[in-house]
C-alpha atoms as a PDB file:
ATOM      1  CA  UNK A   1      73.383 102.809  99.612  1.00  0.00           C
ATOM      2  CA  UNK A   2      73.602 101.386 103.114  1.00  0.00           C
ATOM      3  CA  UNK A   3      70.864  99.205 104.591  1.00  0.00           C
ATOM      4  CA  UNK A   4      71.518 100.584 108.076  1.00  0.00           C
ATOM      5  CA  UNK A   5      70.553 103.989 109.459  1.00  0.00           C
ATOM      6  CA  UNK A   6      72.493 107.014 108.224  1.00  0.00           C
ATOM      7  CA  UNK A   7      73.787 107.865 111.700  1.00  0.00           C
ATOM      8  CA  UNK A   8      74.664 104.286 112.615  1.00  0.00           C
ATOM      9  CA  UNK A   9      78.344 103.404 113.097  1.00  0.00           C
ATOM     10  CA  UNK A  10      79.292  99.733 112.941  1.00  0.00           C
ATOM     11  CA  UNK A  11      82.636  98.684 114.411  1.00  0.00           C
ATOM     12  CA  UNK A  12      84.043  95.226 113.725  1.00  0.00           C
ATOM     13  CA  UNK A  13      86.656  94.230 116.272  1.00  0.00           C
ATOM     14  CA  UNK A  14      88.401  91.354 117.989  1.00  0.00           C
ATOM     15  CA  UNK A  15      91.827  89.973 118.736  1.00  0.00           C
ATOM     16  CA  UNK A  16      94.272  89.789 115.829  1.00  0.00           C
ATOM     17  CA  UNK A  17      93.460  86.926 113.416  1.00  0.00           C
ATOM     18  CA  UNK A  18      89.945  86.480 114.801  1.00  0.00           C
ATOM     19  CA  UNK A  19      88.008  86.826 111.550  1.00  0.00           C
ATOM     20  CA  UNK A  20      87.423  90.578 111.473  1.00  0.00           C
ATOM     21  CA  UNK A  21      88.306  90.895 107.780  1.00  0.00           C
ATOM     22  CA  UNK A  22      85.898  88.100 106.928  1.00  0.00           C
ATOM     23  CA  UNK A  23      83.174  89.853 108.917  1.00  0.00           C
ATOM     24  CA  UNK A  24      83.820  93.126 107.087  1.00  0.00           C
ATOM     25  CA  UNK A  25      83.399  91.352 103.754  1.00  0.00           C
ATOM     26  CA  UNK A  26      80.200  89.694 105.015  1.00  0.00           C
ATOM     27  CA  UNK A  27      78.751  93.030 106.124  1.00  0.00           C
ATOM     28  CA  UNK A  28      79.660  94.553 102.770  1.00  0.00           C
ATOM     29  CA  UNK A  29      77.783  91.735 101.022  1.00  0.00           C
ATOM     30  CA  UNK A  30      74.900  92.255 103.420  1.00  0.00           C
ATOM     31  CA  UNK A  31      74.532  95.906 102.425  1.00  0.00           C
ATOM     32  CA  UNK A  32      76.767  97.817 104.853  1.00  0.00           C
ATOM     33  CA  UNK A  33      79.497  99.778 103.008  1.00  0.00           C
ATOM     34  CA  UNK A  34      82.985  99.399 104.491  1.00  0.00           C
ATOM     35  CA  UNK A  35      85.166 102.337 105.444  1.00  0.00           C
ATOM     36  CA  UNK A  36      88.615 101.243 104.261  1.00  0.00           C
ATOM     37  CA  UNK A  37      91.482 102.620 102.210  1.00  0.00           C
ATOM     38  CA  UNK A  38      92.967  99.559 100.511  1.00  0.00           C
ATOM     39  CA  UNK A  39      96.501 100.457 101.589  1.00  0.00           C
ATOM     40  CA  UNK A  40      97.136  96.939 102.858  1.00  0.00           C
ATOM     41  CA  UNK A  41      96.736  94.599  99.919  1.00  0.00           C
ATOM     42  CA  UNK A  42      95.208  91.120 100.004  1.00  0.00           C
ATOM     43  CA  UNK A  43      97.715  88.285 100.416  1.00  0.00           C
ATOM     44  CA  UNK A  44      97.799  84.568 101.145  1.00  0.00           C
ATOM     45  CA  UNK A  45      96.892  85.185 104.791  1.00  0.00           C
ATOM     46  CA  UNK A  46      93.871  87.332 103.902  1.00  0.00           C
ATOM     47  CA  UNK A  47      93.016  86.563 100.258  1.00  0.00           C
ATOM     48  CA  UNK A  48      89.819  88.621 100.452  1.00  0.00           C
ATOM     49  CA  UNK A  49      91.591  91.717 101.738  1.00  0.00           C
ATOM     50  CA  UNK A  50      92.222  93.324 105.122  1.00  0.00           C
ATOM     51  CA  UNK A  51      89.562  96.073 105.060  1.00  0.00           C
ATOM     52  CA  UNK A  52      91.758  98.417 107.083  1.00  0.00           C
ATOM     53  CA  UNK A  53      91.498 102.186 107.467  1.00  0.00           C
ATOM     54  CA  UNK A  54      94.704 103.852 108.605  1.00  0.00           C
ATOM     55  CA  UNK A  55      93.148 106.864 110.443  1.00  0.00           C
ATOM     56  CA  UNK A  56      91.605 104.555 113.065  1.00  0.00           C
ATOM     57  CA  UNK A  57      95.105 104.050 114.485  1.00  0.00           C
ATOM     58  CA  UNK A  58      95.209 107.746 115.397  1.00  0.00           C
ATOM     59  CA  UNK A  59      91.725 107.935 116.930  1.00  0.00           C
ATOM     60  CA  UNK A  60      92.968 109.129 120.319  1.00  0.00           C
ATOM     61  CA  UNK A  61      94.603 112.198 118.766  1.00  0.00           C
ATOM     62  CA  UNK A  62      92.234 112.755 115.851  1.00  0.00           C
ATOM     63  CA  UNK A  63      88.801 111.089 115.753  1.00  0.00           C
ATOM     64  CA  UNK A  64      87.558 113.255 112.870  1.00  0.00           C
ATOM     65  CA  UNK A  65      87.480 110.223 110.565  1.00  0.00           C
ATOM     66  CA  UNK A  66      84.271 109.184 112.347  1.00  0.00           C
ATOM     67  CA  UNK A  67      82.419 111.785 110.275  1.00  0.00           C
ATOM     68  CA  UNK A  68      82.990 109.500 107.279  1.00  0.00           C
ATOM     69  CA  UNK A  69      81.729 106.408 109.097  1.00  0.00           C
ATOM     70  CA  UNK A  70      78.013 107.091 109.489  1.00  0.00           C
ATOM     71  CA  UNK A  71      76.036 104.321 107.811  1.00  0.00           C
ATOM     72  CA  UNK A  72      79.202 102.268 107.331  1.00  0.00           C
ATOM     73  CA  UNK A  73      81.316  99.590 108.982  1.00  0.00           C
ATOM     74  CA  UNK A  74      84.923 100.034 110.061  1.00  0.00           C
ATOM     75  CA  UNK A  75      87.448  97.545 111.395  1.00  0.00           C
ATOM     76  CA  UNK A  76      89.403  98.335 114.553  1.00  0.00           C
ATOM     77  CA  UNK A  77      91.721  96.359 116.802  1.00  0.00           C
ATOM     78  CA  UNK A  78      89.877  95.918 120.122  1.00  0.00           C
ATOM     79  CA  UNK A  79      92.339  98.094 122.071  1.00  0.00           C
ATOM     80  CA  UNK A  80      91.551 101.120 119.887  1.00  0.00           C
ATOM     81  CA  UNK A  81      87.894 101.104 120.927  1.00  0.00           C
ATOM     82  CA  UNK A  82      88.928 102.633 124.244  1.00  0.00           C
ATOM     83  CA  UNK A  83      89.765 105.804 122.287  1.00  0.00           C
ATOM     84  CA  UNK A  84      86.345 106.211 120.633  1.00  0.00           C
ATOM     85  CA  UNK A  85      84.597 109.445 121.721  1.00  0.00           C
ATOM     86  CA  UNK A  86      81.701 108.720 124.059  1.00  0.00           C
ATOM     87  CA  UNK A  87      79.501 111.381 122.447  1.00  0.00           C
ATOM     88  CA  UNK A  88      78.472 108.899 119.734  1.00  0.00           C
ATOM     89  CA  UNK A  89      76.946 105.433 119.829  1.00  0.00           C
ATOM     90  CA  UNK A  90      78.607 102.434 118.249  1.00  0.00           C
ATOM     91  CA  UNK A  91      77.201  99.060 117.215  1.00  0.00           C
ATOM     92  CA  UNK A  92      80.089  96.698 117.795  1.00  0.00           C
ATOM     93  CA  UNK A  93      80.528  93.215 116.371  1.00  0.00           C
ATOM     94  CA  UNK A  94      83.199  91.477 118.453  1.00  0.00           C
ATOM     95  CA  UNK A  95      84.686  88.405 116.792  1.00  0.00           C
ATOM     96  CA  UNK A  96      85.476  85.649 119.275  1.00  0.00           C
ATOM     97  CA  UNK A  97      87.801  82.847 118.175  1.00  0.00           C
ATOM     98  CA  UNK A  98      89.503  79.881 119.796  1.00  0.00           C
ATOM     99  CA  UNK A  99      92.775  81.226 121.249  1.00  0.00           C
ATOM    100  CA  UNK A 100      94.838  78.283 120.012  1.00  0.00           C
ATOM    101  CA  UNK A 101      93.644  79.024 116.492  1.00  0.00           C
ATOM    102  CA  UNK A 102      94.452  82.716 116.844  1.00  0.00           C
ATOM    103  CA  UNK A 103      97.996  81.981 117.992  1.00  0.00           C
ATOM    104  CA  UNK A 104      98.537  79.411 115.240  1.00  0.00           C
ATOM    105  CA  UNK A 105      97.183  81.775 112.582  1.00  0.00           C
ATOM    106  CA  UNK A 106      99.304  84.641 113.877  1.00  0.00           C
ATOM    107  CA  UNK A 107     102.446  82.493 113.856  1.00  0.00           C
ATOM    108  CA  UNK A 108     101.823  81.370 110.276  1.00  0.00           C
ATOM    109  CA  UNK A 109     101.227  84.943 109.146  1.00  0.00           C
ATOM    110  CA  UNK A 110     104.506  86.099 110.731  1.00  0.00           C
ATOM    111  CA  UNK A 111     106.325  83.241 109.032  1.00  0.00           C
ATOM    112  CA  UNK A 112     104.818  84.194 105.682  1.00  0.00           C
ATOM    113  CA  UNK A 113     105.962  87.774 106.258  1.00  0.00           C
ATOM    114  CA  UNK A 114     109.432  86.439 107.207  1.00  0.00           C
ATOM    115  CA  UNK A 115     109.176  88.035 110.623  1.00  0.00           C
ATOM    116  CA  UNK A 116     110.030  86.590 114.030  1.00  0.00           C
ATOM    117  CA  UNK A 117     107.405  83.942 114.789  1.00  0.00           C
ATOM    118  CA  UNK A 118     108.883  82.638 118.044  1.00  0.00           C
ATOM    119  CA  UNK A 119     105.795  83.442 120.087  1.00  0.00           C
ATOM    120  CA  UNK A 120     105.516  82.136 123.641  1.00  0.00           C
ATOM    121  CA  UNK A 121     102.024  80.678 123.263  1.00  0.00           C
ATOM    122  CA  UNK A 122     101.331  80.326 126.978  1.00  0.00           C
ATOM    123  CA  UNK A 123     102.360  83.920 127.670  1.00  0.00           C
ATOM    124  CA  UNK A 124     100.341  85.266 124.738  1.00  0.00           C
ATOM    125  CA  UNK A 125      97.294  83.206 125.716  1.00  0.00           C
ATOM    126  CA  UNK A 126      97.412  84.621 129.263  1.00  0.00           C
ATOM    127  CA  UNK A 127      97.798  88.140 127.886  1.00  0.00           C
ATOM    128  CA  UNK A 128      94.882  87.756 125.482  1.00  0.00           C
ATOM    129  CA  UNK A 129      92.615  86.227 128.135  1.00  0.00           C
ATOM    130  CA  UNK A 130      93.360  89.135 130.453  1.00  0.00           C
ATOM    131  CA  UNK A 131      92.721  91.640 127.667  1.00  0.00           C
ATOM    132  CA  UNK A 132      89.386  90.032 126.811  1.00  0.00           C
ATOM    133  CA  UNK A 133      88.277  90.150 130.461  1.00  0.00           C
ATOM    134  CA  UNK A 134      89.228  93.831 130.661  1.00  0.00           C
ATOM    135  CA  UNK A 135      87.502  94.604 127.356  1.00  0.00           C
ATOM    136  CA  UNK A 136      84.251  92.882 128.337  1.00  0.00           C
ATOM    137  CA  UNK A 137      84.201  94.697 131.678  1.00  0.00           C
ATOM    138  CA  UNK A 138      84.706  98.026 129.915  1.00  0.00           C
ATOM    139  CA  UNK A 139      81.987  97.236 127.356  1.00  0.00           C
ATOM    140  CA  UNK A 140      79.530  96.401 130.140  1.00  0.00           C
ATOM    141  CA  UNK A 141      80.165  99.791 131.745  1.00  0.00           C
ATOM    142  CA  UNK A 142      80.063 101.824 128.497  1.00  0.00           C
ATOM    143  CA  UNK A 143      76.702 103.326 127.614  1.00  0.00           C
ATOM    144  CA  UNK A 144      77.883 104.389 124.162  1.00  0.00           C
ATOM    145  CA  UNK A 145      78.774 100.824 123.087  1.00  0.00           C
ATOM    146  CA  UNK A 146      76.236  98.222 121.993  1.00  0.00           C
ATOM    147  CA  UNK A 147      78.253  95.036 121.559  1.00  0.00           C
ATOM    148  CA  UNK A 148      77.427  91.640 120.072  1.00  0.00           C
ATOM    149  CA  UNK A 149      79.924  88.786 120.403  1.00  0.00           C
ATOM    150  CA  UNK A 150      80.085  86.477 117.400  1.00  0.00           C
ATOM    151  CA  UNK A 151      81.838  83.081 117.420  1.00  0.00           C
ATOM    152  CA  UNK A 152      84.154  82.950 114.418  1.00  0.00           C
ATOM    153  CA  UNK A 153      84.383  79.182 114.713  1.00  0.00           C
ATOM    154  CA  UNK A 154      80.623  78.750 114.220  1.00  0.00           C
ATOM    155  CA  UNK A 155      80.477  81.054 111.195  1.00  0.00           C
ATOM    156  CA  UNK A 156      83.567  79.524 109.576  1.00  0.00           C
ATOM    157  CA  UNK A 157      82.054  76.073 110.087  1.00  0.00           C
ATOM    158  CA  UNK A 158      78.938  77.135 108.159  1.00  0.00           C
ATOM    159  CA  UNK A 159      76.390  78.022 110.845  1.00  0.00           C
ATOM    160  CA  UNK A 160      73.809  80.637 109.806  1.00  0.00           C
ATOM    161  CA  UNK A 161      72.663  81.389 113.368  1.00  0.00           C
ATOM    162  CA  UNK A 162      75.333  84.040 114.097  1.00  0.00           C
ATOM    163  CA  UNK A 163      74.427  85.815 110.846  1.00  0.00           C
ATOM    164  CA  UNK A 164      70.827  86.168 111.983  1.00  0.00           C
ATOM    165  CA  UNK A 165      72.033  87.556 115.314  1.00  0.00           C
ATOM    166  CA  UNK A 166      74.129  90.138 113.456  1.00  0.00           C
ATOM    167  CA  UNK A 167      71.156  91.101 111.308  1.00  0.00           C
ATOM    168  CA  UNK A 168      68.994  91.664 114.388  1.00  0.00           C
ATOM    169  CA  UNK A 169      71.820  93.594 116.084  1.00  0.00           C
ATOM    170  CA  UNK A 170      72.061  96.003 113.143  1.00  0.00           C
ATOM    171  CA  UNK A 171      68.375  96.624 112.535  1.00  0.00           C
ATOM    172  CA  UNK A 172      67.124  93.620 110.565  1.00  0.00           C
ATOM    173  CA  UNK A 173      67.668  94.842 106.989  1.00  0.00           C
ATOM    174  CA  UNK A 174      70.838  92.985 106.004  1.00  0.00           C
ATOM    175  CA  UNK A 175      70.953  90.519 103.114  1.00  0.00           C
ATOM    176  CA  UNK A 176      71.710  87.441 105.201  1.00  0.00           C
ATOM    177  CA  UNK A 177      71.883  85.086 102.201  1.00  0.00           C
ATOM    178  CA  UNK A 178      74.586  87.229 100.613  1.00  0.00           C
ATOM    179  CA  UNK A 179      76.443  87.320 103.910  1.00  0.00           C
ATOM    180  CA  UNK A 180      76.365  83.542 104.217  1.00  0.00           C
ATOM    181  CA  UNK A 181      77.686  83.154 100.662  1.00  0.00           C
ATOM    182  CA  UNK A 182      80.906  84.924 101.638  1.00  0.00           C
ATOM    183  CA  UNK A 183      81.948  82.200 104.074  1.00  0.00           C
ATOM    184  CA  UNK A 184      84.595  79.994 102.478  1.00  0.00           C
ATOM    185  CA  UNK A 185      85.305  76.878 104.586  1.00  0.00           C
ATOM    186  CA  UNK A 186      88.577  76.363 102.684  1.00  0.00           C
ATOM    187  CA  UNK A 187      89.935  79.503 104.369  1.00  0.00           C
ATOM    188  CA  UNK A 188      89.311  78.015 107.817  1.00  0.00           C
ATOM    189  CA  UNK A 189      92.866  76.698 107.806  1.00  0.00           C
ATOM    190  CA  UNK A 190      94.028  77.101 111.396  1.00  0.00           C
ATOM    191  CA  UNK A 191      91.676  74.890 113.345  1.00  0.00           C
ATOM    192  CA  UNK A 192      92.332  73.964 116.945  1.00  0.00           C
ATOM    193  CA  UNK A 193      93.163  70.276 117.235  1.00  0.00           C
ATOM    194  CA  UNK A 194      90.079  69.632 119.346  1.00  0.00           C
ATOM    195  CA  UNK A 195      87.861  71.097 116.607  1.00  0.00           C
ATOM    196  CA  UNK A 196      89.517  69.631 113.541  1.00  0.00           C
ATOM    197  CA  UNK A 197      87.486  67.014 111.666  1.00  0.00           C
END
């Protein structure tokens, strides 16, 4: 049983490699069931699983999967949120992470998958910054979106403050202790040089 309202839809989003899978696992521990299909298996890059749900990729053409999402949390790449029907309300948790860490994590994942990892970091950083600006502007103008930005770096470093913000954002009934127990500092592997201990 979910600890949030039956008609509440929670969307976890962010740039790739920004901690969205970790947040999904935290919400699950906190009492919010995840909507996922398990098609993408856990691996060394995401040992706790990816928490993905394939139908979200086809939201623009077929948003009927949202009928399964009431009282649950679903993970979506930020760009797919533009396709969500405006006749519903969404509680969004946007994971914000240091861009250098995102690019480093993405490169390592591509290497592990034996795919091309020759990313132009400066070009990708400019692209991501522009996308974030556009996304925030759209969020501010969207009455059907209630968004909370959460700093991945703070959570991964062990801060409880963002967890309390999430709890308040989603109604105040989450098991925050269980959420905090999910955080594994050993998985915070791609730290920006300026943040590394």
